[in-house]
Amino acid sequence: MPLLTVSTSIEINEKKLFLKNCSQLVSKLTNKPEQYVMVRLFDQTPMYFNMDHSPSCFIDLKSIGSLNPPEMSKEISTFISNQIGIPAKSVYICFEDINASNWSWNGKTFG
């Protein structure tokens, strides 16, 4: 049920590997089975941040509970920096805790 969306201005060459690594990270951070993690990637997205067109990244992490933004922020930023070379100062992260009654899978909501 966690959903990670990565939007970045750069091209990700090894998309499948990057998506897999993202899925593993989200599973670890949320302590939820990886089989329920979904990752979306939007690369080569035109972005303008800090009055510049330099490489940047926007991350959106949604989950039913299990989010701890103060603890997760640094690990996600470091992961992005290590995986695709975008410095933490060029990464925004949005965390959203979704009510179980507003999230559906396999034809029914979780709550």
PDB file of N, CA and C in Angstrom:
ATOM      1  N   MET A   1       0.778  -1.206   0.000  1.00  0.00           N
ATOM      2  CA  MET A   1       0.000   0.000   0.000  1.00  0.00           C
ATOM      3  C   MET A   1       0.819   1.270   0.000  1.00  0.00           C
ATOM      4  N   PRO A   2       2.094   1.240   0.384  1.00  0.00           N
ATOM      5  CA  PRO A   2       2.870   2.465   0.204  1.00  0.00           C
ATOM      6  C   PRO A   2       3.058   2.745  -1.288  1.00  0.00           C
ATOM      7  N   LEU A   3       2.995   4.021  -1.629  1.00  0.00           N
ATOM      8  CA  LEU A   3       3.229   4.474  -2.997  1.00  0.00           C
ATOM      9  C   LEU A   3       4.312   5.534  -2.973  1.00  0.00           C
ATOM     10  N   LEU A   4       5.383   5.275  -3.700  1.00  0.00           N
ATOM     11  CA  LEU A   4       6.477   6.232  -3.838  1.00  0.00           C
ATOM     12  C   LEU A   4       6.453   6.741  -5.266  1.00  0.00           C
ATOM     13  N   THR A   5       6.386   8.055  -5.422  1.00  0.00           N
ATOM     14  CA  THR A   5       6.466   8.672  -6.740  1.00  0.00           C
ATOM     15  C   THR A   5       7.728   9.518  -6.775  1.00  0.00           C
ATOM     16  N   VAL A   6       8.571   9.255  -7.752  1.00  0.00           N
ATOM     17  CA  VAL A   6       9.810  10.001  -7.932  1.00  0.00           C
ATOM     18  C   VAL A   6       9.705  10.762  -9.249  1.00  0.00           C
ATOM     19  N   SER A   7       9.773  12.072  -9.169  1.00  0.00           N
ATOM     20  CA  SER A   7       9.814  12.929 -10.356  1.00  0.00           C
ATOM     21  C   SER A   7      11.164  13.621 -10.354  1.00  0.00           C
ATOM     22  N   THR A   8      11.884  13.505 -11.452  1.00  0.00           N
ATOM     23  CA  THR A   8      13.204  14.102 -11.511  1.00  0.00           C
ATOM     24  C   THR A   8      13.476  14.681 -12.891  1.00  0.00           C
ATOM     25  N   SER A   9      14.319  15.675 -12.923  1.00  0.00           N
ATOM     26  CA  SER A   9      14.643  16.336 -14.183  1.00  0.00           C
ATOM     27  C   SER A   9      15.664  15.550 -15.007  1.00  0.00           C
ATOM     28  N   ILE A  10      16.331  14.595 -14.391  1.00  0.00           N
ATOM     29  CA  ILE A  10      17.362  13.849 -15.118  1.00  0.00           C
ATOM     30  C   ILE A  10      16.793  12.551 -15.692  1.00  0.00           C
ATOM     31  N   GLU A  11      17.546  11.962 -16.596  1.00  0.00           N
ATOM     32  CA  GLU A  11      17.161  10.669 -17.148  1.00  0.00           C
ATOM     33  C   GLU A  11      17.742   9.563 -16.273  1.00  0.00           C
ATOM     34  N   ILE A  12      16.921   8.602 -15.933  1.00  0.00           N
ATOM     35  CA  ILE A  12      17.372   7.431 -15.176  1.00  0.00           C
ATOM     36  C   ILE A  12      17.639   6.335 -16.200  1.00  0.00           C
ATOM     37  N   ASN A  13      18.884   5.930 -16.327  1.00  0.00           N
ATOM     38  CA  ASN A  13      19.258   4.952 -17.342  1.00  0.00           C
ATOM     39  C   ASN A  13      18.804   3.542 -17.004  1.00  0.00           C
ATOM     40  N   GLU A  14      19.026   3.112 -15.798  1.00  0.00           N
ATOM     41  CA  GLU A  14      18.646   1.755 -15.387  1.00  0.00           C
ATOM     42  C   GLU A  14      17.357   1.830 -14.568  1.00  0.00           C
ATOM     43  N   LYS A  15      16.268   2.088 -15.263  1.00  0.00           N
ATOM     44  CA  LYS A  15      14.984   2.320 -14.612  1.00  0.00           C
ATOM     45  C   LYS A  15      14.520   1.141 -13.762  1.00  0.00           C
ATOM     46  N   LYS A  16      14.599  -0.063 -14.295  1.00  0.00           N
ATOM     47  CA  LYS A  16      14.114  -1.233 -13.553  1.00  0.00           C
ATOM     48  C   LYS A  16      14.885  -1.443 -12.261  1.00  0.00           C
ATOM     49  N   LEU A  17      16.193  -1.272 -12.304  1.00  0.00           N
ATOM     50  CA  LEU A  17      17.011  -1.416 -11.099  1.00  0.00           C
ATOM     51  C   LEU A  17      16.686  -0.307 -10.097  1.00  0.00           C
ATOM     52  N   PHE A  18      16.536   0.911 -10.597  1.00  0.00           N
ATOM     53  CA  PHE A  18      16.199   2.032  -9.716  1.00  0.00           C
ATOM     54  C   PHE A  18      14.853   1.793  -9.036  1.00  0.00           C
ATOM     55  N   LEU A  19      13.852   1.362  -9.798  1.00  0.00           N
ATOM     56  CA  LEU A  19      12.530   1.086  -9.228  1.00  0.00           C
ATOM     57  C   LEU A  19      12.600  -0.007  -8.166  1.00  0.00           C
ATOM     58  N   LYS A  20      13.359  -1.048  -8.438  1.00  0.00           N
ATOM     59  CA  LYS A  20      13.522  -2.149  -7.474  1.00  0.00           C
ATOM     60  C   LYS A  20      14.173  -1.638  -6.190  1.00  0.00           C
ATOM     61  N   ASN A  21      15.232  -0.846  -6.334  1.00  0.00           N
ATOM     62  CA  ASN A  21      15.920  -0.305  -5.158  1.00  0.00           C
ATOM     63  C   ASN A  21      15.003   0.612  -4.351  1.00  0.00           C
ATOM     64  N   CYS A  22      14.185   1.396  -5.047  1.00  0.00           N
ATOM     65  CA  CYS A  22      13.217   2.263  -4.364  1.00  0.00           C
ATOM     66  C   CYS A  22      12.204   1.426  -3.583  1.00  0.00           C
ATOM     67  N   SER A  23      11.709   0.366  -4.205  1.00  0.00           N
ATOM     68  CA  SER A  23      10.735  -0.504  -3.557  1.00  0.00           C
ATOM     69  C   SER A  23      11.303  -1.113  -2.281  1.00  0.00           C
ATOM     70  N   GLN A  24      12.531  -1.568  -2.355  1.00  0.00           N
ATOM     71  CA  GLN A  24      13.178  -2.157  -1.181  1.00  0.00           C
ATOM     72  C   GLN A  24      13.347  -1.133  -0.069  1.00  0.00           C
ATOM     73  N   LEU A  25      13.710   0.092  -0.441  1.00  0.00           N
ATOM     74  CA  LEU A  25      13.871   1.156   0.552  1.00  0.00           C
ATOM     75  C   LEU A  25      12.547   1.462   1.244  1.00  0.00           C
ATOM     76  N   VAL A  26      11.483   1.620   0.475  1.00  0.00           N
ATOM     77  CA  VAL A  26      10.173   1.950   1.050  1.00  0.00           C
ATOM     78  C   VAL A  26       9.684   0.826   1.961  1.00  0.00           C
ATOM     79  N   SER A  27       9.885  -0.409   1.533  1.00  0.00           N
ATOM     80  CA  SER A  27       9.498  -1.547   2.364  1.00  0.00           C
ATOM     81  C   SER A  27      10.229  -1.510   3.702  1.00  0.00           C
ATOM     82  N   LYS A  28      11.505  -1.229   3.647  1.00  0.00           N
ATOM     83  CA  LYS A  28      12.312  -1.165   4.873  1.00  0.00           C
ATOM     84  C   LYS A  28      11.870  -0.006   5.770  1.00  0.00           C
ATOM     85  N   LEU A  29      11.673   1.174   5.174  1.00  0.00           N
ATOM     86  CA  LEU A  29      11.325   2.360   5.963  1.00  0.00           C
ATOM     87  C   LEU A  29       9.943   2.264   6.598  1.00  0.00           C
ATOM     88  N   THR A  30       8.997   1.657   5.890  1.00  0.00           N
ATOM     89  CA  THR A  30       7.624   1.578   6.391  1.00  0.00           C
ATOM     90  C   THR A  30       7.351   0.282   7.138  1.00  0.00           C
ATOM     91  N   ASN A  31       8.292  -0.644   7.054  1.00  0.00           N
ATOM     92  CA  ASN A  31       8.119  -1.963   7.673  1.00  0.00           C
ATOM     93  C   ASN A  31       6.865  -2.667   7.126  1.00  0.00           C
ATOM     94  N   LYS A  32       6.664  -2.497   5.807  1.00  0.00           N
ATOM     95  CA  LYS A  32       5.544  -3.151   5.130  1.00  0.00           C
ATOM     96  C   LYS A  32       6.106  -4.091   4.075  1.00  0.00           C
ATOM     97  N   PRO A  33       5.416  -5.192   3.794  1.00  0.00           N
ATOM     98  CA  PRO A  33       5.918  -6.158   2.807  1.00  0.00           C
ATOM     99  C   PRO A  33       6.114  -5.499   1.445  1.00  0.00           C
ATOM    100  N   GLU A  34       7.223  -5.835   0.809  1.00  0.00           N
ATOM    101  CA  GLU A  34       7.543  -5.230  -0.486  1.00  0.00           C
ATOM    102  C   GLU A  34       6.490  -5.553  -1.537  1.00  0.00           C
ATOM    103  N   GLN A  35       5.799  -6.657  -1.394  1.00  0.00           N
ATOM    104  CA  GLN A  35       4.788  -7.033  -2.388  1.00  0.00           C
ATOM    105  C   GLN A  35       3.657  -6.007  -2.476  1.00  0.00           C
ATOM    106  N   TYR A  36       3.506  -5.141  -1.456  1.00  0.00           N
ATOM    107  CA  TYR A  36       2.459  -4.126  -1.455  1.00  0.00           C
ATOM    108  C   TYR A  36       2.973  -2.739  -1.830  1.00  0.00           C
ATOM    109  N   VAL A  37       4.261  -2.614  -2.079  1.00  0.00           N
ATOM    110  CA  VAL A  37       4.855  -1.317  -2.414  1.00  0.00           C
ATOM    111  C   VAL A  37       4.731  -1.066  -3.919  1.00  0.00           C
ATOM    112  N   MET A  38       4.291   0.124  -4.277  1.00  0.00           N
ATOM    113  CA  MET A  38       4.263   0.549  -5.676  1.00  0.00           C
ATOM    114  C   MET A  38       5.193   1.751  -5.819  1.00  0.00           C
ATOM    115  N   VAL A  39       5.947   1.771  -6.916  1.00  0.00           N
ATOM    116  CA  VAL A  39       6.855   2.884  -7.197  1.00  0.00           C
ATOM    117  C   VAL A  39       6.564   3.398  -8.602  1.00  0.00           C
ATOM    118  N   ARG A  40       6.416   4.712  -8.710  1.00  0.00           N
ATOM    119  CA  ARG A  40       6.246   5.353 -10.021  1.00  0.00           C
ATOM    120  C   ARG A  40       7.435   6.263 -10.266  1.00  0.00           C
ATOM    121  N   LEU A  41       7.860   6.306 -11.515  1.00  0.00           N
ATOM    122  CA  LEU A  41       9.003   7.139 -11.884  1.00  0.00           C
ATOM    123  C   LEU A  41       8.636   8.031 -13.055  1.00  0.00           C
ATOM    124  N   PHE A  42       8.889   9.301 -12.881  1.00  0.00           N
ATOM    125  CA  PHE A  42       8.752  10.276 -13.957  1.00  0.00           C
ATOM    126  C   PHE A  42      10.119  10.942 -14.105  1.00  0.00           C
ATOM    127  N   ASP A  43      10.910  10.446 -15.051  1.00  0.00           N
ATOM    128  CA  ASP A  43      12.221  11.061 -15.263  1.00  0.00           C
ATOM    129  C   ASP A  43      12.156  11.997 -16.470  1.00  0.00           C
ATOM    130  N   GLN A  44      13.187  12.775 -16.619  1.00  0.00           N
ATOM    131  CA  GLN A  44      13.283  13.789 -17.666  1.00  0.00           C
ATOM    132  C   GLN A  44      12.083  14.751 -17.621  1.00  0.00           C
ATOM    133  N   THR A  45      11.630  15.045 -16.407  1.00  0.00           N
ATOM    134  CA  THR A  45      10.530  15.975 -16.202  1.00  0.00           C
ATOM    135  C   THR A  45      11.105  17.388 -16.087  1.00  0.00           C
ATOM    136  N   PRO A  46      10.667  18.306 -16.927  1.00  0.00           N
ATOM    137  CA  PRO A  46      11.190  19.666 -16.794  1.00  0.00           C
ATOM    138  C   PRO A  46      10.892  20.206 -15.388  1.00  0.00           C
ATOM    139  N   MET A  47      11.942  20.694 -14.737  1.00  0.00           N
ATOM    140  CA  MET A  47      11.797  21.218 -13.374  1.00  0.00           C
ATOM    141  C   MET A  47      12.625  22.499 -13.236  1.00  0.00           C
ATOM    142  N   TYR A  48      12.127  23.377 -12.397  1.00  0.00           N
ATOM    143  CA  TYR A  48      12.803  24.624 -12.082  1.00  0.00           C
ATOM    144  C   TYR A  48      12.727  24.782 -10.577  1.00  0.00           C
ATOM    145  N   PHE A  49      13.889  24.800  -9.914  1.00  0.00           N
ATOM    146  CA  PHE A  49      13.925  24.842  -8.452  1.00  0.00           C
ATOM    147  C   PHE A  49      15.078  25.727  -8.010  1.00  0.00           C
ATOM    148  N   ASN A  50      14.833  26.537  -7.020  1.00  0.00           N
ATOM    149  CA  ASN A  50      15.862  27.434  -6.479  1.00  0.00           C
ATOM    150  C   ASN A  50      16.392  28.370  -7.568  1.00  0.00           C
ATOM    151  N   MET A  51      15.476  28.867  -8.389  1.00  0.00           N
ATOM    152  CA  MET A  51      15.787  29.792  -9.482  1.00  0.00           C
ATOM    153  C   MET A  51      16.806  29.212 -10.454  1.00  0.00           C
ATOM    154  N   ASP A  52      16.692  27.906 -10.708  1.00  0.00           N
ATOM    155  CA  ASP A  52      17.700  27.225 -11.528  1.00  0.00           C
ATOM    156  C   ASP A  52      17.078  26.013 -12.225  1.00  0.00           C
ATOM    157  N   HIS A  53      17.697  25.604 -13.304  1.00  0.00           N
ATOM    158  CA  HIS A  53      17.285  24.395 -14.027  1.00  0.00           C
ATOM    159  C   HIS A  53      18.215  23.222 -13.725  1.00  0.00           C
ATOM    160  N   SER A  54      19.013  23.332 -12.687  1.00  0.00           N
ATOM    161  CA  SER A  54      19.922  22.237 -12.308  1.00  0.00           C
ATOM    162  C   SER A  54      19.114  21.001 -11.939  1.00  0.00           C
ATOM    163  N   PRO A  55      19.743  19.809 -11.971  1.00  0.00           N
ATOM    164  CA  PRO A  55      19.025  18.583 -11.607  1.00  0.00           C
ATOM    165  C   PRO A  55      18.342  18.704 -10.245  1.00  0.00           C
ATOM    166  N   SER A  56      17.090  18.281 -10.221  1.00  0.00           N
ATOM    167  CA  SER A  56      16.325  18.308  -8.978  1.00  0.00           C
ATOM    168  C   SER A  56      15.366  17.124  -8.963  1.00  0.00           C
ATOM    169  N   CYS A  57      14.714  16.948  -7.815  1.00  0.00           N
ATOM    170  CA  CYS A  57      13.861  15.778  -7.638  1.00  0.00           C
ATOM    171  C   CYS A  57      12.737  16.106  -6.652  1.00  0.00           C
ATOM    172  N   PHE A  58      11.539  15.630  -6.970  1.00  0.00           N
ATOM    173  CA  PHE A  58      10.410  15.723  -6.049  1.00  0.00           C
ATOM    174  C   PHE A  58       9.946  14.301  -5.748  1.00  0.00           C
ATOM    175  N   ILE A  59       9.819  13.996  -4.469  1.00  0.00           N
ATOM    176  CA  ILE A  59       9.414  12.666  -4.026  1.00  0.00           C
ATOM    177  C   ILE A  59       8.125  12.791  -3.239  1.00  0.00           C
ATOM    178  N   ASP A  60       7.197  11.913  -3.543  1.00  0.00           N
ATOM    179  CA  ASP A  60       5.923  11.869  -2.851  1.00  0.00           C
ATOM    180  C   ASP A  60       5.770  10.463  -2.283  1.00  0.00           C
ATOM    181  N   LEU A  61       5.682  10.350  -0.973  1.00  0.00           N
ATOM    182  CA  LEU A  61       5.518   9.048  -0.316  1.00  0.00           C
ATOM    183  C   LEU A  61       4.197   9.028   0.423  1.00  0.00           C
ATOM    184  N   LYS A  62       3.309   8.123  -0.013  1.00  0.00           N
ATOM    185  CA  LYS A  62       1.998   7.960   0.607  1.00  0.00           C
ATOM    186  C   LYS A  62       1.915   6.566   1.207  1.00  0.00           C
ATOM    187  N   SER A  63       1.249   6.476   2.342  1.00  0.00           N
ATOM    188  CA  SER A  63       1.098   5.181   2.989  1.00  0.00           C
ATOM    189  C   SER A  63      -0.044   5.254   3.999  1.00  0.00           C
ATOM    190  N   ILE A  64      -0.602   4.102   4.302  1.00  0.00           N
ATOM    191  CA  ILE A  64      -1.554   4.005   5.398  1.00  0.00           C
ATOM    192  C   ILE A  64      -0.714   3.796   6.654  1.00  0.00           C
ATOM    193  N   GLY A  65      -0.491   4.863   7.384  1.00  0.00           N
ATOM    194  CA  GLY A  65       0.361   4.782   8.567  1.00  0.00           C
ATOM    195  C   GLY A  65       1.809   4.477   8.218  1.00  0.00           C
ATOM    196  N   SER A  66       2.593   4.200   9.209  1.00  0.00           N
ATOM    197  CA  SER A  66       4.001   3.798   9.087  1.00  0.00           C
ATOM    198  C   SER A  66       4.913   4.877   8.531  1.00  0.00           C
ATOM    199  N   LEU A  67       4.496   6.120   8.551  1.00  0.00           N
ATOM    200  CA  LEU A  67       5.359   7.207   8.086  1.00  0.00           C
ATOM    201  C   LEU A  67       5.944   7.951   9.282  1.00  0.00           C
ATOM    202  N   ASN A  68       7.224   8.228   9.196  1.00  0.00           N
ATOM    203  CA  ASN A  68       7.910   9.007  10.213  1.00  0.00           C
ATOM    204  C   ASN A  68       8.828   9.993   9.485  1.00  0.00           C
ATOM    205  N   PRO A  69       8.268  11.103   8.994  1.00  0.00           N
ATOM    206  CA  PRO A  69       9.046  12.035   8.181  1.00  0.00           C
ATOM    207  C   PRO A  69      10.377  12.490   8.786  1.00  0.00           C
ATOM    208  N   PRO A  70      10.444  12.833  10.078  1.00  0.00           N
ATOM    209  CA  PRO A  70      11.742  13.262  10.614  1.00  0.00           C
ATOM    210  C   PRO A  70      12.835  12.195  10.480  1.00  0.00           C
ATOM    211  N   GLU A  71      12.466  10.936  10.627  1.00  0.00           N
ATOM    212  CA  GLU A  71      13.459   9.862  10.520  1.00  0.00           C
ATOM    213  C   GLU A  71      13.695   9.439   9.078  1.00  0.00           C
ATOM    214  N   MET A  72      12.687   9.514   8.233  1.00  0.00           N
ATOM    215  CA  MET A  72      12.791   9.030   6.855  1.00  0.00           C
ATOM    216  C   MET A  72      13.443  10.030   5.903  1.00  0.00           C
ATOM    217  N   SER A  73      13.326  11.310   6.196  1.00  0.00           N
ATOM    218  CA  SER A  73      13.798  12.353   5.277  1.00  0.00           C
ATOM    219  C   SER A  73      15.265  12.206   4.907  1.00  0.00           C
ATOM    220  N   LYS A  74      16.115  12.049   5.900  1.00  0.00           N
ATOM    221  CA  LYS A  74      17.547  11.956   5.623  1.00  0.00           C
ATOM    222  C   LYS A  74      17.875  10.703   4.830  1.00  0.00           C
ATOM    223  N   GLU A  75      17.267   9.572   5.192  1.00  0.00           N
ATOM    224  CA  GLU A  75      17.569   8.324   4.496  1.00  0.00           C
ATOM    225  C   GLU A  75      17.117   8.373   3.037  1.00  0.00           C
ATOM    226  N   ILE A  76      15.961   8.942   2.782  1.00  0.00           N
ATOM    227  CA  ILE A  76      15.482   9.059   1.403  1.00  0.00           C
ATOM    228  C   ILE A  76      16.364  10.015   0.608  1.00  0.00           C
ATOM    229  N   SER A  77      16.702  11.146   1.188  1.00  0.00           N
ATOM    230  CA  SER A  77      17.567  12.118   0.507  1.00  0.00           C
ATOM    231  C   SER A  77      18.933  11.522   0.181  1.00  0.00           C
ATOM    232  N   THR A  78      19.492  10.801   1.133  1.00  0.00           N
ATOM    233  CA  THR A  78      20.790  10.153   0.912  1.00  0.00           C
ATOM    234  C   THR A  78      20.679   9.085  -0.171  1.00  0.00           C
ATOM    235  N   PHE A  79      19.610   8.325  -0.145  1.00  0.00           N
ATOM    236  CA  PHE A  79      19.367   7.306  -1.156  1.00  0.00           C
ATOM    237  C   PHE A  79      19.340   7.930  -2.552  1.00  0.00           C
ATOM    238  N   ILE A  80      18.582   9.007  -2.716  1.00  0.00           N
ATOM    239  CA  ILE A  80      18.465   9.682  -4.013  1.00  0.00           C
ATOM    240  C   ILE A  80      19.828  10.211  -4.456  1.00  0.00           C
ATOM    241  N   SER A  81      20.539  10.798  -3.529  1.00  0.00           N
ATOM    242  CA  SER A  81      21.869  11.318  -3.855  1.00  0.00           C
ATOM    243  C   SER A  81      22.800  10.201  -4.318  1.00  0.00           C
ATOM    244  N   ASN A  82      22.776   9.083  -3.621  1.00  0.00           N
ATOM    245  CA  ASN A  82      23.644   7.952  -3.972  1.00  0.00           C
ATOM    246  C   ASN A  82      23.205   7.262  -5.261  1.00  0.00           C
ATOM    247  N   GLN A  83      21.907   7.142  -5.468  1.00  0.00           N
ATOM    248  CA  GLN A  83      21.386   6.413  -6.630  1.00  0.00           C
ATOM    249  C   GLN A  83      21.480   7.206  -7.929  1.00  0.00           C
ATOM    250  N   ILE A  84      21.109   8.495  -7.868  1.00  0.00           N
ATOM    251  CA  ILE A  84      21.040   9.257  -9.115  1.00  0.00           C
ATOM    252  C   ILE A  84      21.837  10.559  -9.106  1.00  0.00           C
ATOM    253  N   GLY A  85      22.540  10.824  -8.010  1.00  0.00           N
ATOM    254  CA  GLY A  85      23.476  11.941  -7.977  1.00  0.00           C
ATOM    255  C   GLY A  85      22.881  13.317  -7.731  1.00  0.00           C
ATOM    256  N   ILE A  86      21.638  13.386  -7.324  1.00  0.00           N
ATOM    257  CA  ILE A  86      21.049  14.689  -7.022  1.00  0.00           C
ATOM    258  C   ILE A  86      21.265  14.997  -5.547  1.00  0.00           C
ATOM    259  N   PRO A  87      21.886  16.136  -5.242  1.00  0.00           N
ATOM    260  CA  PRO A  87      22.163  16.457  -3.836  1.00  0.00           C
ATOM    261  C   PRO A  87      20.883  16.698  -3.036  1.00  0.00           C
ATOM    262  N   ALA A  88      20.942  16.406  -1.759  1.00  0.00           N
ATOM    263  CA  ALA A  88      19.788  16.548  -0.869  1.00  0.00           C
ATOM    264  C   ALA A  88      19.195  17.951  -0.910  1.00  0.00           C
ATOM    265  N   LYS A  89      20.023  18.955  -1.132  1.00  0.00           N
ATOM    266  CA  LYS A  89      19.524  20.332  -1.164  1.00  0.00           C
ATOM    267  C   LYS A  89      18.657  20.603  -2.398  1.00  0.00           C
ATOM    268  N   SER A  90      18.606  19.658  -3.322  1.00  0.00           N
ATOM    269  CA  SER A  90      17.785  19.797  -4.528  1.00  0.00           C
ATOM    270  C   SER A  90      16.644  18.785  -4.565  1.00  0.00           C
ATOM    271  N   VAL A  91      16.274  18.282  -3.377  1.00  0.00           N
ATOM    272  CA  VAL A  91      15.215  17.270  -3.270  1.00  0.00           C
ATOM    273  C   VAL A  91      14.144  17.752  -2.293  1.00  0.00           C
ATOM    274  N   TYR A  92      12.907  17.755  -2.759  1.00  0.00           N
ATOM    275  CA  TYR A  92      11.755  17.966  -1.887  1.00  0.00           C
ATOM    276  C   TYR A  92      11.074  16.615  -1.684  1.00  0.00           C
ATOM    277  N   ILE A  93      10.592  16.388  -0.472  1.00  0.00           N
ATOM    278  CA  ILE A  93       9.862  15.154  -0.160  1.00  0.00           C
ATOM    279  C   ILE A  93       8.536  15.538   0.499  1.00  0.00           C
ATOM    280  N   CYS A  94       7.471  14.947   0.017  1.00  0.00           N
ATOM    281  CA  CYS A  94       6.150  15.145   0.597  1.00  0.00           C
ATOM    282  C   CYS A  94       5.674  13.812   1.169  1.00  0.00           C
ATOM    283  N   PHE A  95       5.312  13.805   2.434  1.00  0.00           N
ATOM    284  CA  PHE A  95       4.800  12.603   3.093  1.00  0.00           C
ATOM    285  C   PHE A  95       3.297  12.769   3.284  1.00  0.00           C
ATOM    286  N   GLU A  96       2.550  11.706   3.004  1.00  0.00           N
ATOM    287  CA  GLU A  96       1.104  11.776   3.198  1.00  0.00           C
ATOM    288  C   GLU A  96       0.596  10.475   3.800  1.00  0.00           C
ATOM    289  N   ASP A  97       0.005  10.592   4.986  1.00  0.00           N
ATOM    290  CA  ASP A  97      -0.600   9.452   5.667  1.00  0.00           C
ATOM    291  C   ASP A  97      -2.047   9.365   5.203  1.00  0.00           C
ATOM    292  N   ILE A  98      -2.383   8.285   4.517  1.00  0.00           N
ATOM    293  CA  ILE A  98      -3.703   8.109   3.925  1.00  0.00           C
ATOM    294  C   ILE A  98      -4.604   7.302   4.865  1.00  0.00           C
ATOM    295  N   ASN A  99      -5.836   7.741   5.003  1.00  0.00           N
ATOM    296  CA  ASN A  99      -6.818   6.997   5.776  1.00  0.00           C
ATOM    297  C   ASN A  99      -7.123   5.683   5.056  1.00  0.00           C
ATOM    298  N   ALA A 100      -7.163   4.587   5.777  1.00  0.00           N
ATOM    299  CA  ALA A 100      -7.376   3.260   5.186  1.00  0.00           C
ATOM    300  C   ALA A 100      -8.670   3.178   4.381  1.00  0.00           C
ATOM    301  N   SER A 101      -9.667   3.953   4.745  1.00  0.00           N
ATOM    302  CA  SER A 101     -10.924   3.924   3.998  1.00  0.00           C
ATOM    303  C   SER A 101     -10.826   4.656   2.660  1.00  0.00           C
ATOM    304  N   ASN A 102      -9.716   5.373   2.438  1.00  0.00           N
ATOM    305  CA  ASN A 102      -9.502   6.097   1.181  1.00  0.00           C
ATOM    306  C   ASN A 102      -8.496   5.400   0.265  1.00  0.00           C
ATOM    307  N   TRP A 103      -8.107   4.182   0.600  1.00  0.00           N
ATOM    308  CA  TRP A 103      -7.124   3.455  -0.214  1.00  0.00           C
ATOM    309  C   TRP A 103      -7.720   2.093  -0.542  1.00  0.00           C
ATOM    310  N   SER A 104      -7.741   1.782  -1.831  1.00  0.00           N
ATOM    311  CA  SER A 104      -8.361   0.540  -2.273  1.00  0.00           C
ATOM    312  C   SER A 104      -7.366  -0.330  -3.027  1.00  0.00           C
ATOM    313  N   TRP A 105      -7.543  -1.623  -2.906  1.00  0.00           N
ATOM    314  CA  TRP A 105      -6.756  -2.613  -3.643  1.00  0.00           C
ATOM    315  C   TRP A 105      -7.624  -3.845  -3.854  1.00  0.00           C
ATOM    316  N   ASN A 106      -7.540  -4.401  -5.006  1.00  0.00           N
ATOM    317  CA  ASN A 106      -8.252  -5.637  -5.319  1.00  0.00           C
ATOM    318  C   ASN A 106      -9.761  -5.492  -5.096  1.00  0.00           C
ATOM    319  N   GLY A 107     -10.282  -4.317  -5.431  1.00  0.00           N
ATOM    320  CA  GLY A 107     -11.722  -4.097  -5.378  1.00  0.00           C
ATOM    321  C   GLY A 107     -12.317  -3.722  -4.037  1.00  0.00           C
ATOM    322  N   LYS A 108     -11.465  -3.508  -3.020  1.00  0.00           N
ATOM    323  CA  LYS A 108     -12.013  -3.092  -1.726  1.00  0.00           C
ATOM    324  C   LYS A 108     -11.013  -2.211  -0.986  1.00  0.00           C
ATOM    325  N   THR A 109     -11.558  -1.392  -0.096  1.00  0.00           N
ATOM    326  CA  THR A 109     -10.697  -0.509   0.677  1.00  0.00           C
ATOM    327  C   THR A 109     -10.033  -1.280   1.808  1.00  0.00           C
ATOM    328  N   PHE A 110      -8.969  -0.680   2.339  1.00  0.00           N
ATOM    329  CA  PHE A 110      -8.257  -1.300   3.445  1.00  0.00           C
ATOM    330  C   PHE A 110      -8.967  -1.078   4.780  1.00  0.00           C
ATOM    331  N   GLY A 111      -9.875  -0.121   4.831  1.00  0.00           N
ATOM    332  CA  GLY A 111     -10.541   0.158   6.097  1.00  0.00           C
ATOM    333  C   GLY A 111     -11.983   0.508   5.929  1.00  0.00           C
TER     334      GLY A 111
END
